[in-house]
Amino acid sequence: MPHGFSFDSPGNLSIAPPARQPAVALRLPAPPNLTNPQEIVTIKVKPEKDSTPTDLMPSQKMIKSYTIHKAFLLHYSPYFRVILKLLPRSPKPMDLEIDNTHITAFGIFVHWLYYQTLTSLEDVPNSFVLMKVWELGGRFRVPALQNSAMDSLHEYFVSNNNTMINTSSPRGWYWEGFFGVARRADVDGALMRLLRDVLVTTKNEDVSTAMIEHADPYMIKGAFIRMKKREIDSNVCGVGPASDYYVSVPALEN
């Protein structure tokens, strides 16, 4: 049995968050086809233990269950593809349990599975939730979800003049959360580069002060170098287009 997995009962697999693994090219199952009867998977999602201040977000303390067509999980997520193959064959519906997961971000992941976009969401998530979606895309090995989250993050930054201020959360915790996501999940530096470029571009003193308080020295050094380059070369931009911060999507064969 691979590390991080355990069977609680027949047909019920409990999953602990694994260490982040590099993406590899895999052969995809056929695209989902809902014209025929489908197998259903019920996923019980347990909330994060530490990273969300539950006194500010009580909904994040609740365990929630999501019912998803198995074909969508198999096609879009190599992470779930491996897990579902470990489940013993059973005539009963498949049940999974996932620990330490941002509840709202997981719901957005389910929405994305069916719509392949975040623009159709009724409620626009704030920038921190979008970062948690980005992080979840890395955990589930769905780079296309990460890039959808980056599109929404980028639009949020531009529309808010690169401040990313969320008035409903304490400023210090909010920025600590931003950089925490970037440190844990940003293997190729895309999210950290975005934060660096926001620091370079913002003209809001409160934002720059809060960012410097929570940023790593290496990131601050990178921002300072980029600021100096902008003084010399007008072609050096601050926050670039969203595509500058995309995660590469591996070539997957159907």
Protein backbone atom coordinates (compact mmCIF):
# COMPACT_ATOMS: atom_id res chain seq x y z
CA MET A 1 0.00 0.00 0.00
CA PRO A 2 1.53 3.37 -1.01
CA HIS A 3 2.38 5.80 1.77
CA GLY A 4 -0.47 8.12 2.69
CA PHE A 5 -3.34 5.74 1.85
CA SER A 6 -5.37 3.44 4.10
CA PHE A 7 -8.61 1.49 3.79
CA ASP A 8 -11.11 2.23 6.58
CA SER A 9 -13.60 -0.32 5.23
CA PRO A 10 -14.25 -2.09 1.91
CA GLY A 11 -14.82 0.54 -0.75
CA ASN A 12 -13.76 3.38 1.51
CA LEU A 13 -10.29 4.84 1.05
CA SER A 14 -8.85 7.47 3.37
CA ILE A 15 -6.26 9.79 1.84
CA ALA A 16 -3.65 11.90 3.58
CA PRO A 17 -2.14 14.82 1.61
CA PRO A 18 0.96 13.49 -0.16
CA ALA A 19 4.27 15.19 -0.75
CA ARG A 20 4.18 17.24 -3.95
CA GLN A 21 5.40 15.13 -6.87
CA PRO A 22 6.56 16.44 -10.26
CA ALA A 23 4.06 15.99 -13.07
CA VAL A 24 4.75 13.25 -15.59
CA ALA A 25 3.21 12.52 -18.95
CA LEU A 26 0.40 9.99 -18.67
CA ARG A 27 -2.09 8.42 -21.03
CA LEU A 28 -5.50 9.95 -20.40
CA PRO A 29 -8.70 7.94 -20.11
CA ALA A 30 -11.40 8.84 -22.62
CA PRO A 31 -13.07 12.23 -22.14
CA PRO A 32 -16.20 12.11 -19.96
CA ASN A 33 -19.33 11.07 -21.85
CA LEU A 34 -22.54 11.66 -19.94
CA THR A 35 -24.81 10.08 -22.56
CA ASN A 36 -24.41 6.73 -20.79
CA PRO A 37 -24.95 5.74 -17.13
CA GLN A 38 -21.98 6.82 -15.04
CA GLU A 39 -20.21 5.63 -11.92
CA ILE A 40 -20.39 8.10 -9.05
CA VAL A 41 -17.77 8.88 -6.41
CA THR A 42 -18.63 10.50 -3.09
CA ILE A 43 -15.75 12.46 -1.59
CA LYS A 44 -15.92 13.52 2.05
CA VAL A 45 -13.66 16.54 2.53
CA LYS A 46 -12.23 17.34 5.96
CA PRO A 47 -11.14 20.96 6.60
CA GLU A 48 -7.64 22.31 7.01
CA LYS A 49 -6.14 21.97 10.47
CA ASP A 50 -4.00 25.09 10.80
CA SER A 51 -3.77 27.43 7.84
CA THR A 52 -7.25 28.96 7.95
CA PRO A 53 -8.38 31.07 10.92
CA THR A 54 -11.64 29.24 11.58
CA ASP A 55 -12.96 31.95 13.88
CA LEU A 56 -13.06 34.21 10.80
CA MET A 57 -14.32 31.54 8.40
CA PRO A 58 -16.66 29.19 10.31
CA SER A 59 -17.73 27.44 7.09
CA GLN A 60 -14.17 26.10 6.81
CA LYS A 61 -14.69 24.01 9.96
CA MET A 62 -17.44 21.91 8.39
CA ILE A 63 -16.93 18.49 6.80
CA LYS A 64 -18.62 18.44 3.40
CA SER A 65 -19.40 15.67 0.93
CA TYR A 66 -19.30 16.04 -2.85
CA THR A 67 -20.78 13.63 -5.39
CA ILE A 68 -18.77 13.58 -8.62
CA HIS A 69 -18.85 11.53 -11.80
CA LYS A 70 -15.88 9.17 -11.70
CA ALA A 71 -15.08 9.78 -15.39
CA PHE A 72 -14.31 13.46 -14.73
CA LEU A 73 -11.88 12.63 -11.93
CA LEU A 74 -10.17 9.97 -14.04
CA HIS A 75 -9.80 12.20 -17.08
CA TYR A 76 -8.61 15.43 -15.47
CA SER A 77 -6.67 14.39 -12.36
CA PRO A 78 -3.76 11.90 -12.37
CA TYR A 79 -3.88 12.13 -8.57
CA PHE A 80 -7.41 10.74 -8.39
CA ARG A 81 -6.72 8.33 -11.24
CA VAL A 82 -4.13 6.57 -9.07
CA ILE A 83 -6.35 6.62 -5.98
CA LEU A 84 -9.44 5.23 -7.72
CA LYS A 85 -7.44 2.33 -9.13
CA LEU A 86 -6.56 1.34 -5.55
CA LEU A 87 -10.18 0.95 -4.54
CA PRO A 88 -11.41 -2.66 -4.43
CA ARG A 89 -14.18 -3.51 -6.87
CA SER A 90 -17.56 -3.22 -5.20
CA PRO A 91 -21.18 -2.92 -6.37
CA LYS A 92 -21.59 -0.09 -3.85
CA PRO A 93 -20.87 3.56 -4.74
CA MET A 94 -17.25 4.59 -4.24
CA ASP A 95 -16.45 6.64 -1.14
CA LEU A 96 -13.28 8.64 -0.56
CA GLU A 97 -12.18 10.75 2.37
CA ILE A 98 -9.68 13.59 1.95
CA ASP A 99 -8.05 15.31 4.91
CA ASN A 100 -6.69 18.82 5.47
CA THR A 101 -8.33 20.50 2.50
CA HIS A 102 -9.68 24.03 2.02
CA ILE A 103 -13.43 23.40 1.72
CA THR A 104 -14.33 26.32 -0.54
CA ALA A 105 -11.37 25.64 -2.83
CA PHE A 106 -12.42 22.01 -3.22
CA GLY A 107 -15.94 23.07 -4.20
CA ILE A 108 -14.44 25.34 -6.85
CA PHE A 109 -12.33 22.41 -8.09
CA VAL A 110 -15.54 20.37 -8.51
CA HIS A 111 -17.12 23.26 -10.42
CA TRP A 112 -14.07 23.47 -12.68
CA LEU A 113 -14.23 19.74 -13.46
CA TYR A 114 -17.59 20.25 -15.13
CA TYR A 115 -17.19 23.72 -16.63
CA GLN A 116 -13.43 23.99 -17.29
CA THR A 117 -13.55 27.63 -16.26
CA LEU A 118 -13.93 29.71 -13.12
CA THR A 119 -15.66 32.63 -14.83
CA SER A 120 -19.06 30.92 -14.49
CA LEU A 121 -18.94 30.90 -10.68
CA GLU A 122 -21.91 32.74 -9.14
CA ASP A 123 -19.81 34.13 -6.28
CA VAL A 124 -16.40 35.46 -7.25
CA PRO A 125 -13.86 34.09 -4.71
CA ASN A 126 -11.43 36.44 -3.05
CA SER A 127 -7.75 36.36 -3.91
CA PHE A 128 -6.76 34.09 -1.02
CA VAL A 129 -9.35 31.46 -1.97
CA LEU A 130 -8.09 31.65 -5.57
CA MET A 131 -4.59 30.95 -4.27
CA LYS A 132 -5.94 27.94 -2.38
CA VAL A 133 -7.53 26.73 -5.63
CA TRP A 134 -4.16 27.17 -7.30
CA GLU A 135 -2.54 25.14 -4.52
CA LEU A 136 -5.19 22.42 -4.82
CA GLY A 137 -4.55 22.21 -8.56
CA GLY A 138 -0.94 21.38 -7.76
CA ARG A 139 -1.91 18.80 -5.16
CA PHE A 140 -4.32 17.06 -7.55
CA ARG A 141 -1.91 17.49 -10.49
CA VAL A 142 -4.29 19.55 -12.61
CA PRO A 143 -2.16 22.36 -14.08
CA ALA A 144 -5.07 23.57 -16.23
CA LEU A 145 -6.97 24.33 -13.01
CA GLN A 146 -3.94 26.23 -11.70
CA ASN A 147 -3.88 28.33 -14.87
CA SER A 148 -7.62 29.04 -14.59
CA ALA A 149 -7.03 30.21 -11.02
CA MET A 150 -4.12 32.33 -12.22
CA ASP A 151 -6.36 34.00 -14.82
CA SER A 152 -8.78 34.99 -12.06
CA LEU A 153 -5.98 36.05 -9.71
CA HIS A 154 -4.43 38.21 -12.39
CA GLU A 155 -7.76 39.87 -13.15
CA TYR A 156 -8.22 40.52 -9.43
CA PHE A 157 -4.80 42.18 -9.17
CA VAL A 158 -5.34 44.39 -12.20
CA SER A 159 -8.84 45.49 -11.15
CA ASN A 160 -7.58 46.32 -7.64
CA ASN A 161 -4.50 48.23 -8.85
CA ASN A 162 -2.17 45.48 -7.58
CA THR A 163 -3.16 45.86 -3.93
CA MET A 164 -4.87 42.50 -3.23
CA ILE A 165 -6.41 44.05 -0.11
CA ASN A 166 -9.17 41.98 1.50
CA THR A 167 -10.93 44.13 4.06
CA SER A 168 -12.64 41.14 5.72
CA SER A 169 -9.38 39.62 6.96
CA PRO A 170 -6.58 40.94 9.17
CA ARG A 171 -3.89 42.31 6.91
CA GLY A 172 -1.05 40.43 8.57
CA TRP A 173 -2.71 37.03 8.48
CA TYR A 174 -3.83 37.56 4.90
CA TRP A 175 -0.34 38.18 3.58
CA GLU A 176 1.10 35.43 5.73
CA GLY A 177 -1.43 33.12 4.05
CA PHE A 178 -0.45 34.30 0.57
CA PHE A 179 3.22 33.60 1.10
CA GLY A 180 2.48 30.34 2.89
CA VAL A 181 0.68 29.03 -0.20
CA ALA A 182 3.51 30.19 -2.46
CA ARG A 183 6.19 28.51 -0.33
CA ARG A 184 4.36 25.19 0.00
CA ALA A 185 3.10 24.71 -3.51
CA ASP A 186 5.04 26.88 -5.92
CA VAL A 187 7.63 24.43 -7.17
CA ASP A 188 8.48 26.33 -10.35
CA GLY A 189 8.23 29.79 -8.80
CA ALA A 190 5.17 31.00 -10.74
CA LEU A 191 3.13 32.17 -7.76
CA MET A 192 6.14 33.61 -5.96
CA ARG A 193 7.11 35.51 -9.12
CA LEU A 194 3.61 36.96 -9.26
CA LEU A 195 3.88 38.15 -5.65
CA ARG A 196 7.28 39.62 -6.42
CA ASP A 197 5.89 41.55 -9.38
CA VAL A 198 2.96 42.82 -7.31
CA LEU A 199 5.48 44.16 -4.77
CA VAL A 200 7.41 45.81 -7.60
CA THR A 201 4.28 47.40 -9.08
CA THR A 202 2.04 48.40 -6.17
CA LYS A 203 1.99 52.04 -5.11
CA ASN A 204 0.12 51.23 -1.89
CA GLU A 205 2.45 51.75 1.08
CA ASP A 206 0.40 49.53 3.41
CA VAL A 207 0.52 46.68 0.91
CA SER A 208 4.25 46.94 0.28
CA THR A 209 4.94 47.13 4.05
CA ALA A 210 2.82 44.04 4.74
CA MET A 211 4.40 42.11 1.86
CA ILE A 212 7.94 42.89 3.00
CA GLU A 213 7.03 41.77 6.52
CA HIS A 214 6.04 38.29 5.33
CA ALA A 215 8.22 37.79 2.24
CA ASP A 216 11.45 35.79 2.18
CA PRO A 217 14.70 37.79 1.91
CA TYR A 218 15.39 36.13 -1.46
CA MET A 219 12.06 37.35 -2.83
CA ILE A 220 12.64 40.88 -1.50
CA LYS A 221 16.06 40.89 -3.14
CA GLY A 222 14.49 39.80 -6.44
CA ALA A 223 11.90 42.58 -6.19
CA PHE A 224 14.60 45.19 -5.50
CA ILE A 225 16.65 44.03 -8.51
CA ARG A 226 13.56 44.17 -10.72
CA MET A 227 12.75 47.68 -9.49
CA LYS A 228 16.24 48.85 -10.43
CA LYS A 229 15.94 47.22 -13.86
CA ARG A 230 12.68 49.07 -14.44
CA GLU A 231 14.43 52.37 -13.72
CA ILE A 232 16.99 51.56 -16.41
CA ASP A 233 14.83 49.76 -18.98
CA SER A 234 11.22 50.83 -19.54
CA ASN A 235 10.52 47.48 -21.22
CA VAL A 236 10.85 45.67 -17.89
CA CYS A 237 7.25 45.42 -16.71
CA GLY A 238 5.82 45.01 -13.24
CA VAL A 239 2.96 42.54 -13.29
CA GLY A 240 3.01 40.87 -16.69
CA PRO A 241 0.12 39.12 -18.46
CA ALA A 242 -1.44 36.11 -16.73
CA SER A 243 0.31 33.75 -19.12
CA ASP A 244 3.67 34.82 -17.64
CA TYR A 245 2.69 32.95 -14.48
CA TYR A 246 1.15 29.82 -15.99
CA VAL A 247 2.21 26.35 -14.91
CA SER A 248 3.36 24.24 -17.83
CA VAL A 249 0.81 21.61 -18.87
CA PRO A 250 2.51 18.28 -19.64
CA ALA A 251 1.77 16.57 -22.92
CA LEU A 252 -0.81 13.92 -22.14
CA GLU A 253 -1.91 11.34 -24.65
CA ASN A 254 -5.55 10.36 -25.12
